[in-house]
Amino acid sequence: PNTRLIINYGSSEAASVTMYDCNAMPGLVNCIGKPMPNAEILIVDDERNVIRSSKDRMGLIACRGDVNMKGYINAPELTKDVLIDGVLYTNDIGYIDEDGFVYIIGRKGDVINVGGLKVAPNEVEDAALEYPGIDDCICISAEDRISGHVPKLLYVSGAEINLRDLSTFMAARLESYKIPKQFEKVDSIARTYNGKLDRKHYRSA
């Protein structure tokens, strides 16, 4: 009861650039807080143009400020890939809400683009894991003739899962475009050496 939980977001190239006090503002899902005093958070499109973002219009997170690195040692070309005119560009997708809170929903290569709408796989996975009988799962991108791509759920279960009931269950927790359109029962989910979901394994499959 006397614990205070603080979330900091940053990187090796930019130290800590946001802070979220979970006790002061509880329940902000995917929130990483507000910018620290020496950092300015920007949301940019794929061409690195600054955009006015929202939950329905996300972009890539960038940072400007004294916390940014000066560059990689003896690697000017690599530096130019991520640091331009004092702005550090990341591959993290997110947005800033009307109150100035920054949200991150995943990495650029992980997020699924469904007809222009972005789906964070972890959000789909969290909803699926609440359903009784789902022991493990991963949400991946699957090709679709109409939308281009749709969420697909690979799941592990020792029980027989009624997929219609599962979809209805998830529909009560997610926007309609985030509900998987395809399901596949598998024996196991690929994970990295430290136990994280191995998303690269499925992108290369």
Protein backbone atom coordinates (compact mmCIF):
# COMPACT_ATOMS: atom_id res chain seq x y z
CA PRO A 1 0.00 0.00 0.00
CA ASN A 2 2.96 2.35 0.50
CA THR A 3 4.57 1.56 -2.86
CA ARG A 4 4.90 4.26 -5.50
CA LEU A 5 5.18 3.07 -9.11
CA ILE A 6 6.97 5.31 -11.62
CA ILE A 7 7.38 4.50 -15.31
CA ASN A 8 10.22 6.16 -17.22
CA TYR A 9 10.62 6.01 -20.99
CA GLY A 10 13.92 6.59 -22.72
CA SER A 11 16.76 4.96 -24.60
CA SER A 12 20.52 4.68 -24.72
CA GLU A 13 20.49 7.62 -27.14
CA ALA A 14 18.19 9.87 -25.15
CA ALA A 15 18.27 8.82 -21.47
CA SER A 16 14.90 9.27 -19.71
CA VAL A 17 12.56 11.58 -21.60
CA THR A 18 9.13 10.96 -20.02
CA MET A 19 7.81 9.99 -16.59
CA TYR A 20 4.45 8.55 -15.54
CA ASP A 21 3.40 8.46 -11.88
CA CYS A 22 0.97 5.54 -11.82
CA ASN A 23 -0.26 6.44 -8.34
CA ALA A 24 -1.17 10.01 -9.21
CA MET A 25 -2.90 9.18 -12.52
CA PRO A 26 -3.89 5.49 -12.44
CA GLY A 27 -5.46 3.57 -15.28
CA LEU A 28 -3.90 5.26 -18.33
CA VAL A 29 -3.24 2.18 -20.45
CA ASN A 30 -0.02 2.35 -22.54
CA CYS A 31 0.81 5.76 -21.06
CA ILE A 32 4.46 6.69 -20.52
CA GLY A 33 3.70 10.03 -18.91
CA LYS A 34 4.65 13.58 -19.80
CA PRO A 35 8.00 14.89 -21.09
CA MET A 36 10.76 15.58 -18.58
CA PRO A 37 11.88 19.23 -18.19
CA ASN A 38 14.80 18.90 -20.64
CA ALA A 39 12.91 16.94 -23.30
CA GLU A 40 10.32 17.75 -25.95
CA ILE A 41 8.35 14.87 -27.44
CA LEU A 42 7.25 15.07 -31.07
CA ILE A 43 5.11 12.69 -33.10
CA VAL A 44 6.12 12.39 -36.75
CA ASP A 45 4.94 10.52 -39.84
CA ASP A 46 7.03 8.09 -41.88
CA GLU A 47 8.68 11.04 -43.67
CA ARG A 48 9.53 12.57 -40.27
CA ASN A 49 7.12 15.46 -40.61
CA VAL A 50 5.64 16.55 -37.29
CA ILE A 51 1.94 15.68 -37.02
CA ARG A 52 -0.83 16.47 -34.56
CA SER A 53 -1.42 13.02 -33.16
CA SER A 54 -4.27 11.27 -31.36
CA LYS A 55 -5.34 7.73 -30.55
CA ASP A 56 -6.78 7.52 -34.06
CA ARG A 57 -3.79 9.20 -35.71
CA MET A 58 -0.55 7.77 -34.40
CA GLY A 59 3.00 8.27 -35.55
CA LEU A 60 6.62 7.69 -34.61
CA ILE A 61 7.96 9.13 -31.36
CA ALA A 62 10.82 11.63 -31.64
CA CYS A 63 12.62 13.68 -29.00
CA ARG A 64 14.36 17.04 -28.96
CA GLY A 65 16.39 18.31 -26.02
CA ASP A 66 19.61 18.32 -24.04
CA VAL A 67 19.09 14.70 -23.01
CA ASN A 68 19.84 13.48 -26.53
CA MET A 69 23.20 12.02 -27.40
CA LYS A 70 25.66 13.97 -29.55
CA GLY A 71 26.10 10.95 -31.82
CA TYR A 72 27.53 7.47 -32.05
CA ILE A 73 31.33 7.35 -31.62
CA ASN A 74 33.11 7.20 -34.98
CA ALA A 75 29.84 6.44 -36.77
CA PRO A 76 28.57 9.60 -38.50
CA GLU A 77 26.43 7.77 -41.05
CA LEU A 78 24.72 5.70 -38.38
CA THR A 79 24.16 8.88 -36.39
CA LYS A 80 22.44 10.53 -39.36
CA ASP A 81 19.94 7.67 -39.49
CA VAL A 82 18.48 8.60 -36.11
CA LEU A 83 19.64 12.12 -35.17
CA ILE A 84 18.94 15.13 -37.41
CA ASP A 85 19.19 18.77 -36.30
CA GLY A 86 19.05 17.77 -32.65
CA VAL A 87 15.93 15.58 -33.04
CA LEU A 88 16.25 11.90 -32.19
CA TYR A 89 13.90 9.64 -34.15
CA THR A 90 12.73 6.27 -32.80
CA ASN A 91 10.82 3.32 -34.22
CA ASP A 92 8.28 3.47 -31.39
CA ILE A 93 4.71 4.21 -32.43
CA GLY A 94 2.56 6.38 -30.21
CA TYR A 95 0.58 9.55 -29.76
CA ILE A 96 0.01 12.50 -27.43
CA ASP A 97 -3.45 13.07 -25.96
CA GLU A 98 -5.21 16.37 -25.35
CA ASP A 99 -3.77 16.57 -21.83
CA GLY A 100 -0.18 16.18 -23.00
CA PHE A 101 0.27 12.57 -21.93
CA VAL A 102 2.39 10.43 -24.24
CA TYR A 103 1.32 6.89 -25.16
CA ILE A 104 3.35 4.14 -26.79
CA ILE A 105 1.66 1.15 -28.43
CA GLY A 106 4.59 -0.75 -29.90
CA ARG A 107 7.46 -0.86 -32.35
CA LYS A 108 7.05 0.10 -35.99
CA GLY A 109 7.67 -3.43 -37.25
CA ASP A 110 5.23 -4.96 -34.77
CA VAL A 111 2.17 -2.75 -35.24
CA ILE A 112 -0.46 -4.07 -37.66
CA ASN A 113 -1.89 -1.63 -40.21
CA VAL A 114 -5.57 -2.46 -40.77
CA GLY A 115 -6.87 -0.23 -43.53
CA GLY A 116 -4.91 2.72 -42.15
CA LEU A 117 -5.77 2.00 -38.51
CA LYS A 118 -2.93 0.82 -36.28
CA VAL A 119 -3.31 -2.20 -34.01
CA ALA A 120 -0.91 -2.91 -31.15
CA PRO A 121 -0.48 -6.71 -30.93
CA ASN A 122 0.05 -6.67 -27.16
CA GLU A 123 -3.36 -5.08 -26.64
CA VAL A 124 -5.01 -7.92 -28.57
CA GLU A 125 -2.95 -10.52 -26.72
CA ASP A 126 -3.87 -9.09 -23.31
CA ALA A 127 -7.57 -9.30 -24.17
CA ALA A 128 -7.27 -12.88 -25.45
CA LEU A 129 -5.38 -14.05 -22.36
CA GLU A 130 -8.30 -13.00 -20.17
CA TYR A 131 -10.47 -15.62 -21.87
CA PRO A 132 -10.67 -18.90 -19.92
CA GLY A 133 -8.69 -21.65 -21.64
CA ILE A 134 -6.21 -19.46 -23.54
CA ASP A 135 -2.83 -20.46 -22.10
CA ASP A 136 -0.59 -18.45 -24.42
CA CYS A 137 -0.94 -16.45 -27.62
CA ILE A 138 0.58 -14.01 -30.06
CA CYS A 139 -1.11 -11.59 -32.44
CA ILE A 140 0.48 -11.33 -35.89
CA SER A 141 -0.36 -9.68 -39.19
CA ALA A 142 -2.11 -11.70 -41.89
CA GLU A 143 -2.78 -10.63 -45.46
CA ASP A 144 -6.35 -9.71 -46.33
CA ARG A 145 -7.84 -9.01 -49.76
CA ILE A 146 -9.97 -6.10 -48.53
CA SER A 147 -8.05 -4.41 -45.69
CA GLY A 148 -4.55 -5.36 -46.80
CA HIS A 149 -3.74 -6.81 -43.38
CA VAL A 150 -5.77 -8.03 -40.41
CA PRO A 151 -4.90 -9.30 -36.94
CA LYS A 152 -4.43 -13.05 -36.65
CA LEU A 153 -4.29 -14.79 -33.28
CA LEU A 154 -2.13 -17.85 -32.75
CA TYR A 155 -3.12 -19.45 -29.47
CA VAL A 156 -2.22 -22.35 -27.20
CA SER A 157 -4.96 -24.10 -25.28
CA GLY A 158 -5.56 -27.41 -23.61
CA ALA A 159 -9.29 -26.97 -24.11
CA GLU A 160 -11.61 -26.68 -27.09
CA ILE A 161 -12.12 -22.97 -27.73
CA ASN A 162 -15.37 -21.70 -29.22
CA LEU A 163 -13.98 -19.03 -31.56
CA ARG A 164 -17.29 -17.24 -31.87
CA ASP A 165 -17.48 -16.88 -28.10
CA LEU A 166 -13.85 -15.77 -28.00
CA SER A 167 -14.51 -13.08 -30.63
CA THR A 168 -17.54 -11.84 -28.69
CA PHE A 169 -15.49 -11.77 -25.49
CA MET A 170 -12.76 -9.72 -27.16
CA ALA A 171 -15.29 -7.39 -28.81
CA ALA A 172 -16.32 -6.23 -25.33
CA ARG A 173 -12.71 -5.15 -24.68
CA LEU A 174 -11.42 -3.92 -28.05
CA GLU A 175 -12.45 -1.74 -30.97
CA SER A 176 -13.90 -3.77 -33.83
CA TYR A 177 -10.88 -3.41 -36.13
CA LYS A 178 -8.60 -4.88 -33.43
CA ILE A 179 -10.52 -8.16 -33.14
CA PRO A 180 -8.65 -10.98 -34.90
CA LYS A 181 -10.18 -12.04 -38.19
CA GLN A 182 -8.18 -15.25 -38.23
CA PHE A 183 -7.41 -17.76 -35.49
CA GLU A 184 -5.03 -20.71 -35.41
CA LYS A 185 -4.43 -23.17 -32.61
CA VAL A 186 -0.74 -24.05 -32.22
CA ASP A 187 1.30 -26.27 -29.92
CA SER A 188 3.52 -23.46 -28.67
CA ILE A 189 4.42 -19.81 -29.13
CA ALA A 190 7.95 -18.88 -30.16
CA ARG A 191 9.81 -16.85 -27.56
CA THR A 192 13.25 -15.30 -27.26
CA TYR A 193 15.96 -16.51 -24.89
CA ASN A 194 14.64 -14.18 -22.16
CA GLY A 195 11.02 -15.28 -22.51
CA LYS A 196 9.64 -12.44 -24.62
CA LEU A 197 7.37 -13.09 -27.59
CA ASP A 198 9.56 -13.64 -30.64
CA ARG A 199 7.73 -11.43 -33.13
CA LYS A 200 10.62 -11.52 -35.62
CA HIS A 201 10.18 -15.29 -35.90
CA TYR A 202 6.67 -14.83 -37.25
CA ARG A 203 7.52 -11.92 -39.53
CA SER A 204 10.14 -14.06 -41.27
CA ALA A 205 8.00 -17.21 -41.38
